């Protein structure tokens, strides 16, 4: 199967019974989440594969057109008013192809967690809510719901009950917490079960968040 996205993988010694796909943020790289393999203990679940894709390199408008790894273009500060819909949907198809590949490698859809940080969080929600097979869960770190106005019409019934983990920094200057809480409320209004966490941090991930995520992952993958 030909893949459009480059990936970094952490494969267990045995056959994986679950897969966790983590999408990095703007200008970052899949390698940023290599430490998750050491920080998260899923030994009670079984053998787990981590898939860490690398976004394509593209010019980013808000950064004066500088080329960097990005899941989509950022057209301005008001990300909810001017969205790169074409870029979002292109990356959505590539992320869903990653899920398809995990299924082709023997991991059932309901044993696959899709998550991400910042732009990666936006992509996890965009791709996960529209995926046609039930996933184990969606992880949303320091991000928001993109193309929010089309979610109700485009979401797939298969993931109507998918559990969602959301965490955000109270001092986030990149994606303000009000933007994230509005996304949480929009998802809850659509009937999704959202486990919400906020921490006294900026646009980052803290150890308390990792610990809460660890407990949530054990719950959804058992």
C-alpha atoms as a PDB file:
ATOM      1  CA  UNK A   1       0.000   0.000   0.000  1.00  0.00           C
ATOM      2  CA  UNK A   2       1.536   3.345  -1.036  1.00  0.00           C
ATOM      3  CA  UNK A   3       1.493   6.039   1.632  1.00  0.00           C
ATOM      4  CA  UNK A   4       1.615   9.762   0.932  1.00  0.00           C
ATOM      5  CA  UNK A   5       2.836  10.574   4.450  1.00  0.00           C
ATOM      6  CA  UNK A   6       6.227   9.744   5.893  1.00  0.00           C
ATOM      7  CA  UNK A   7       5.922   8.062   9.282  1.00  0.00           C
ATOM      8  CA  UNK A   8       8.069   7.285  12.290  1.00  0.00           C
ATOM      9  CA  UNK A   9       6.967   4.157  14.128  1.00  0.00           C
ATOM     10  CA  UNK A  10       7.504   2.581  17.523  1.00  0.00           C
ATOM     11  CA  UNK A  11       6.711  -1.096  17.087  1.00  0.00           C
ATOM     12  CA  UNK A  12       6.281  -3.499  20.010  1.00  0.00           C
ATOM     13  CA  UNK A  13       8.196  -6.745  20.258  1.00  0.00           C
ATOM     14  CA  UNK A  14       5.060  -8.749  19.507  1.00  0.00           C
ATOM     15  CA  UNK A  15       2.021  -8.333  17.303  1.00  0.00           C
ATOM     16  CA  UNK A  16       0.223  -5.080  18.219  1.00  0.00           C
ATOM     17  CA  UNK A  17      -3.361  -5.303  19.414  1.00  0.00           C
ATOM     18  CA  UNK A  18      -3.810  -1.522  19.262  1.00  0.00           C
ATOM     19  CA  UNK A  19      -2.348   1.480  17.438  1.00  0.00           C
ATOM     20  CA  UNK A  20      -1.984   5.095  18.519  1.00  0.00           C
ATOM     21  CA  UNK A  21      -1.523   7.682  15.760  1.00  0.00           C
ATOM     22  CA  UNK A  22      -0.235  11.063  16.990  1.00  0.00           C
ATOM     23  CA  UNK A  23      -0.147  14.125  14.722  1.00  0.00           C
ATOM     24  CA  UNK A  24       2.389  16.851  15.498  1.00  0.00           C
ATOM     25  CA  UNK A  25       1.887  20.619  15.493  1.00  0.00           C
ATOM     26  CA  UNK A  26       2.866  23.376  13.068  1.00  0.00           C
ATOM     27  CA  UNK A  27       6.553  23.400  12.165  1.00  0.00           C
ATOM     28  CA  UNK A  28       7.248  20.362  14.310  1.00  0.00           C
ATOM     29  CA  UNK A  29       7.873  16.718  13.431  1.00  0.00           C
ATOM     30  CA  UNK A  30       6.612  13.264  14.333  1.00  0.00           C
ATOM     31  CA  UNK A  31       9.795  12.752  16.361  1.00  0.00           C
ATOM     32  CA  UNK A  32       8.440  15.223  18.926  1.00  0.00           C
ATOM     33  CA  UNK A  33       6.267  12.438  20.330  1.00  0.00           C
ATOM     34  CA  UNK A  34       8.854   9.668  20.455  1.00  0.00           C
ATOM     35  CA  UNK A  35       8.980  10.141  24.239  1.00  0.00           C
ATOM     36  CA  UNK A  36       5.354   9.010  24.539  1.00  0.00           C
ATOM     37  CA  UNK A  37       6.540   5.446  24.092  1.00  0.00           C
ATOM     38  CA  UNK A  38       8.430   5.779  27.387  1.00  0.00           C
ATOM     39  CA  UNK A  39       6.092   8.107  29.270  1.00  0.00           C
ATOM     40  CA  UNK A  40       2.851   6.193  28.692  1.00  0.00           C
ATOM     41  CA  UNK A  41       2.436   2.763  30.269  1.00  0.00           C
ATOM     42  CA  UNK A  42      -0.048   0.601  28.391  1.00  0.00           C
ATOM     43  CA  UNK A  43       1.298  -2.741  29.618  1.00  0.00           C
ATOM     44  CA  UNK A  44      -2.139  -3.581  31.032  1.00  0.00           C
ATOM     45  CA  UNK A  45      -3.604  -3.182  27.529  1.00  0.00           C
ATOM     46  CA  UNK A  46      -1.046  -5.251  25.631  1.00  0.00           C
ATOM     47  CA  UNK A  47       1.260  -4.643  22.682  1.00  0.00           C
ATOM     48  CA  UNK A  48       0.726  -1.157  21.178  1.00  0.00           C
ATOM     49  CA  UNK A  49       2.170   0.423  18.041  1.00  0.00           C
ATOM     50  CA  UNK A  50       2.787   4.192  17.911  1.00  0.00           C
ATOM     51  CA  UNK A  51       2.545   5.816  14.482  1.00  0.00           C
ATOM     52  CA  UNK A  52       4.039   9.321  14.255  1.00  0.00           C
ATOM     53  CA  UNK A  53       3.445  10.809  10.796  1.00  0.00           C
ATOM     54  CA  UNK A  54       5.250  13.829   9.383  1.00  0.00           C
ATOM     55  CA  UNK A  55       3.150  16.557   7.793  1.00  0.00           C
ATOM     56  CA  UNK A  56       4.058  17.760   4.289  1.00  0.00           C
ATOM     57  CA  UNK A  57       6.293  20.814   3.917  1.00  0.00           C
ATOM     58  CA  UNK A  58       4.282  23.795   2.678  1.00  0.00           C
ATOM     59  CA  UNK A  59       4.396  27.605   2.783  1.00  0.00           C
ATOM     60  CA  UNK A  60       2.557  29.044   5.792  1.00  0.00           C
ATOM     61  CA  UNK A  61       0.947  32.430   5.230  1.00  0.00           C
ATOM     62  CA  UNK A  62       1.026  33.621   8.843  1.00  0.00           C
ATOM     63  CA  UNK A  63       4.786  32.978   8.889  1.00  0.00           C
ATOM     64  CA  UNK A  64       5.411  35.136   5.800  1.00  0.00           C
ATOM     65  CA  UNK A  65       5.157  32.162   3.462  1.00  0.00           C
ATOM     66  CA  UNK A  66       8.071  30.335   5.090  1.00  0.00           C
ATOM     67  CA  UNK A  67       7.983  26.643   4.242  1.00  0.00           C
ATOM     68  CA  UNK A  68       7.630  24.234   7.134  1.00  0.00           C
ATOM     69  CA  UNK A  69       5.861  21.038   8.087  1.00  0.00           C
ATOM     70  CA  UNK A  70       2.168  21.879   8.326  1.00  0.00           C
ATOM     71  CA  UNK A  71      -1.051  19.937   7.989  1.00  0.00           C
ATOM     72  CA  UNK A  72      -2.674  23.009   6.440  1.00  0.00           C
ATOM     73  CA  UNK A  73      -1.983  26.698   5.854  1.00  0.00           C
ATOM     74  CA  UNK A  74      -2.680  29.250   8.586  1.00  0.00           C
ATOM     75  CA  UNK A  75      -4.101  32.311   6.872  1.00  0.00           C
ATOM     76  CA  UNK A  76      -4.263  34.672   9.854  1.00  0.00           C
ATOM     77  CA  UNK A  77      -4.626  35.039  13.608  1.00  0.00           C
ATOM     78  CA  UNK A  78      -8.395  34.413  13.538  1.00  0.00           C
ATOM     79  CA  UNK A  79      -8.163  30.724  12.677  1.00  0.00           C
ATOM     80  CA  UNK A  80     -11.895  30.176  13.014  1.00  0.00           C
ATOM     81  CA  UNK A  81     -12.783  32.844  10.463  1.00  0.00           C
ATOM     82  CA  UNK A  82     -10.298  32.131   7.664  1.00  0.00           C
ATOM     83  CA  UNK A  83      -9.542  28.430   7.308  1.00  0.00           C
ATOM     84  CA  UNK A  84      -7.556  26.606   4.633  1.00  0.00           C
ATOM     85  CA  UNK A  85     -10.379  24.233   3.799  1.00  0.00           C
ATOM     86  CA  UNK A  86      -8.603  22.670   0.816  1.00  0.00           C
ATOM     87  CA  UNK A  87      -5.480  21.957   2.864  1.00  0.00           C
ATOM     88  CA  UNK A  88      -7.504  20.621   5.768  1.00  0.00           C
ATOM     89  CA  UNK A  89      -9.429  18.212   3.573  1.00  0.00           C
ATOM     90  CA  UNK A  90      -6.320  17.045   1.714  1.00  0.00           C
ATOM     91  CA  UNK A  91      -4.575  16.195   4.979  1.00  0.00           C
ATOM     92  CA  UNK A  92      -7.763  14.609   6.296  1.00  0.00           C
ATOM     93  CA  UNK A  93      -7.679  12.100   3.465  1.00  0.00           C
ATOM     94  CA  UNK A  94      -4.018  11.319   4.156  1.00  0.00           C
ATOM     95  CA  UNK A  95      -4.644  10.831   7.878  1.00  0.00           C
ATOM     96  CA  UNK A  96      -7.605   8.573   7.165  1.00  0.00           C
ATOM     97  CA  UNK A  97      -5.341   6.586   4.840  1.00  0.00           C
ATOM     98  CA  UNK A  98      -3.046   6.022   7.834  1.00  0.00           C
ATOM     99  CA  UNK A  99      -5.980   4.551   9.750  1.00  0.00           C
ATOM    100  CA  UNK A 100      -6.787   2.376   6.733  1.00  0.00           C
ATOM    101  CA  UNK A 101      -3.199   1.111   6.734  1.00  0.00           C
ATOM    102  CA  UNK A 102      -3.351   0.138  10.401  1.00  0.00           C
ATOM    103  CA  UNK A 103      -6.524  -1.803   9.696  1.00  0.00           C
ATOM    104  CA  UNK A 104      -4.838  -3.500   6.727  1.00  0.00           C
ATOM    105  CA  UNK A 105      -2.005  -4.489   9.081  1.00  0.00           C
ATOM    106  CA  UNK A 106      -4.451  -6.268  11.358  1.00  0.00           C
ATOM    107  CA  UNK A 107      -5.493  -3.679  13.958  1.00  0.00           C
ATOM    108  CA  UNK A 108      -9.264  -3.226  14.166  1.00  0.00           C
ATOM    109  CA  UNK A 109     -10.602   0.318  13.863  1.00  0.00           C
ATOM    110  CA  UNK A 110     -12.006   0.180  17.392  1.00  0.00           C
ATOM    111  CA  UNK A 111      -8.465  -0.468  18.647  1.00  0.00           C
ATOM    112  CA  UNK A 112      -7.027   2.645  16.982  1.00  0.00           C
ATOM    113  CA  UNK A 113      -6.637   5.965  18.812  1.00  0.00           C
ATOM    114  CA  UNK A 114      -6.122   9.091  16.715  1.00  0.00           C
ATOM    115  CA  UNK A 115      -4.669  12.125  18.434  1.00  0.00           C
ATOM    116  CA  UNK A 116      -2.657  15.248  17.941  1.00  0.00           C
ATOM    117  CA  UNK A 117      -1.229  18.485  19.293  1.00  0.00           C
ATOM    118  CA  UNK A 118      -2.292  21.955  18.061  1.00  0.00           C
ATOM    119  CA  UNK A 119      -2.694  21.598  14.256  1.00  0.00           C
ATOM    120  CA  UNK A 120      -2.483  17.851  14.829  1.00  0.00           C
ATOM    121  CA  UNK A 121      -5.384  18.077  17.264  1.00  0.00           C
ATOM    122  CA  UNK A 122      -7.462  19.884  14.638  1.00  0.00           C
ATOM    123  CA  UNK A 123      -6.652  17.136  12.137  1.00  0.00           C
ATOM    124  CA  UNK A 124      -7.518  14.373  14.615  1.00  0.00           C
ATOM    125  CA  UNK A 125     -10.975  15.856  15.122  1.00  0.00           C
ATOM    126  CA  UNK A 126     -11.510  16.561  11.427  1.00  0.00           C
ATOM    127  CA  UNK A 127     -10.456  13.083  10.269  1.00  0.00           C
ATOM    128  CA  UNK A 128     -11.690  11.079  13.248  1.00  0.00           C
ATOM    129  CA  UNK A 129     -15.240  12.385  13.429  1.00  0.00           C
ATOM    130  CA  UNK A 130     -15.663  11.713   9.703  1.00  0.00           C
ATOM    131  CA  UNK A 131     -14.062   8.260   9.654  1.00  0.00           C
ATOM    132  CA  UNK A 132     -16.525   5.546   8.567  1.00  0.00           C
ATOM    133  CA  UNK A 133     -15.521   2.938  11.169  1.00  0.00           C
ATOM    134  CA  UNK A 134     -15.720   3.307  14.959  1.00  0.00           C
ATOM    135  CA  UNK A 135     -12.375   4.332  16.478  1.00  0.00           C
ATOM    136  CA  UNK A 136     -11.252   3.702  20.060  1.00  0.00           C
ATOM    137  CA  UNK A 137     -10.925   7.406  20.835  1.00  0.00           C
ATOM    138  CA  UNK A 138      -9.680  10.851  19.826  1.00  0.00           C
ATOM    139  CA  UNK A 139      -6.969  12.771  21.693  1.00  0.00           C
ATOM    140  CA  UNK A 140      -7.005  16.570  21.395  1.00  0.00           C
ATOM    141  CA  UNK A 141      -4.060  18.414  22.948  1.00  0.00           C
ATOM    142  CA  UNK A 142      -3.945  22.220  22.792  1.00  0.00           C
ATOM    143  CA  UNK A 143      -6.089  22.492  19.682  1.00  0.00           C
ATOM    144  CA  UNK A 144      -9.573  23.196  18.373  1.00  0.00           C
ATOM    145  CA  UNK A 145     -12.373  21.911  16.132  1.00  0.00           C
ATOM    146  CA  UNK A 146     -11.765  22.958  12.492  1.00  0.00           C
ATOM    147  CA  UNK A 147     -14.515  23.485   9.913  1.00  0.00           C
ATOM    148  CA  UNK A 148     -16.879  23.518  12.879  1.00  0.00           C
ATOM    149  CA  UNK A 149     -19.852  24.607  10.816  1.00  0.00           C
ATOM    150  CA  UNK A 150     -19.737  21.446   8.704  1.00  0.00           C
ATOM    151  CA  UNK A 151     -19.208  18.945  11.538  1.00  0.00           C
ATOM    152  CA  UNK A 152     -22.870  18.144  12.158  1.00  0.00           C
ATOM    153  CA  UNK A 153     -23.557  17.445   8.490  1.00  0.00           C
ATOM    154  CA  UNK A 154     -20.328  15.574   7.728  1.00  0.00           C
ATOM    155  CA  UNK A 155     -19.612  13.519  10.856  1.00  0.00           C
ATOM    156  CA  UNK A 156     -20.079   9.791  10.448  1.00  0.00           C
ATOM    157  CA  UNK A 157     -22.595   7.873  12.515  1.00  0.00           C
ATOM    158  CA  UNK A 158     -19.942   5.207  13.162  1.00  0.00           C
ATOM    159  CA  UNK A 159     -18.101   7.661  15.430  1.00  0.00           C
ATOM    160  CA  UNK A 160     -21.123   9.329  16.999  1.00  0.00           C
ATOM    161  CA  UNK A 161     -20.139   7.858  20.382  1.00  0.00           C
ATOM    162  CA  UNK A 162     -16.342   8.004  20.090  1.00  0.00           C
ATOM    163  CA  UNK A 163     -14.799   9.186  23.398  1.00  0.00           C
ATOM    164  CA  UNK A 164     -12.740  12.370  23.220  1.00  0.00           C
ATOM    165  CA  UNK A 165      -9.887  13.501  25.483  1.00  0.00           C
ATOM    166  CA  UNK A 166      -9.264  17.267  25.408  1.00  0.00           C
ATOM    167  CA  UNK A 167      -6.521  19.123  27.294  1.00  0.00           C
ATOM    168  CA  UNK A 168      -5.436  22.750  27.081  1.00  0.00           C
ATOM    169  CA  UNK A 169      -3.191  25.288  28.748  1.00  0.00           C
ATOM    170  CA  UNK A 170      -4.833  28.138  30.638  1.00  0.00           C
ATOM    171  CA  UNK A 171      -2.058  30.479  29.446  1.00  0.00           C
ATOM    172  CA  UNK A 172      -1.963  29.304  25.829  1.00  0.00           C
ATOM    173  CA  UNK A 173      -1.083  32.313  23.669  1.00  0.00           C
ATOM    174  CA  UNK A 174      -1.191  30.408  20.363  1.00  0.00           C
ATOM    175  CA  UNK A 175      -4.672  28.901  20.622  1.00  0.00           C
ATOM    176  CA  UNK A 176      -6.476  30.658  23.493  1.00  0.00           C
ATOM    177  CA  UNK A 177      -8.282  28.377  25.913  1.00  0.00           C
ATOM    178  CA  UNK A 178     -11.597  30.090  25.057  1.00  0.00           C
ATOM    179  CA  UNK A 179     -11.237  28.725  21.513  1.00  0.00           C
ATOM    180  CA  UNK A 180     -10.685  25.220  22.862  1.00  0.00           C
ATOM    181  CA  UNK A 181     -13.545  25.396  25.364  1.00  0.00           C
ATOM    182  CA  UNK A 182     -15.861  26.600  22.590  1.00  0.00           C
ATOM    183  CA  UNK A 183     -14.842  23.521  20.581  1.00  0.00           C
ATOM    184  CA  UNK A 184     -15.506  21.336  23.622  1.00  0.00           C
ATOM    185  CA  UNK A 185     -18.963  22.850  24.022  1.00  0.00           C
ATOM    186  CA  UNK A 186     -19.732  22.410  20.310  1.00  0.00           C
ATOM    187  CA  UNK A 187     -18.763  18.736  20.518  1.00  0.00           C
ATOM    188  CA  UNK A 188     -20.805  18.202  23.678  1.00  0.00           C
ATOM    189  CA  UNK A 189     -23.813  19.816  21.999  1.00  0.00           C
ATOM    190  CA  UNK A 190     -23.496  17.229  19.218  1.00  0.00           C
ATOM    191  CA  UNK A 191     -23.628  14.483  21.849  1.00  0.00           C
ATOM    192  CA  UNK A 192     -19.949  13.560  22.181  1.00  0.00           C
ATOM    193  CA  UNK A 193     -18.492  12.431  25.506  1.00  0.00           C
ATOM    194  CA  UNK A 194     -15.600  14.831  26.118  1.00  0.00           C
ATOM    195  CA  UNK A 195     -13.179  14.412  29.018  1.00  0.00           C
ATOM    196  CA  UNK A 196     -11.833  17.949  29.551  1.00  0.00           C
ATOM    197  CA  UNK A 197      -8.601  18.931  31.315  1.00  0.00           C
ATOM    198  CA  UNK A 198      -6.940  22.322  31.677  1.00  0.00           C
ATOM    199  CA  UNK A 199      -3.558  23.110  33.166  1.00  0.00           C
ATOM    200  CA  UNK A 200      -1.609  26.244  34.221  1.00  0.00           C
ATOM    201  CA  UNK A 201       0.677  26.061  31.173  1.00  0.00           C
ATOM    202  CA  UNK A 202       1.234  27.698  27.806  1.00  0.00           C
ATOM    203  CA  UNK A 203       1.081  26.003  24.362  1.00  0.00           C
ATOM    204  CA  UNK A 204       2.671  22.768  25.504  1.00  0.00           C
ATOM    205  CA  UNK A 205       2.164  19.387  27.156  1.00  0.00           C
ATOM    206  CA  UNK A 206       2.767  18.816  30.874  1.00  0.00           C
ATOM    207  CA  UNK A 207       3.395  15.656  32.873  1.00  0.00           C
ATOM    208  CA  UNK A 208       0.019  15.885  34.641  1.00  0.00           C
ATOM    209  CA  UNK A 209      -1.623  15.865  31.219  1.00  0.00           C
ATOM    210  CA  UNK A 210       0.366  12.810  30.144  1.00  0.00           C
ATOM    211  CA  UNK A 211      -0.703  10.999  33.309  1.00  0.00           C
ATOM    212  CA  UNK A 212      -4.368  11.846  32.732  1.00  0.00           C
ATOM    213  CA  UNK A 213      -4.048  10.759  29.102  1.00  0.00           C
ATOM    214  CA  UNK A 214      -2.424   7.497  30.204  1.00  0.00           C
ATOM    215  CA  UNK A 215      -5.402   6.645  32.421  1.00  0.00           C
ATOM    216  CA  UNK A 216      -7.849   7.562  29.634  1.00  0.00           C
ATOM    217  CA  UNK A 217      -5.996   5.430  27.065  1.00  0.00           C
ATOM    218  CA  UNK A 218      -6.082   2.412  29.369  1.00  0.00           C
ATOM    219  CA  UNK A 219      -9.829   2.901  29.762  1.00  0.00           C
ATOM    220  CA  UNK A 220     -10.659   3.200  26.043  1.00  0.00           C
ATOM    221  CA  UNK A 221      -8.307   0.409  24.913  1.00  0.00           C
ATOM    222  CA  UNK A 222      -9.242  -2.221  27.479  1.00  0.00           C
END
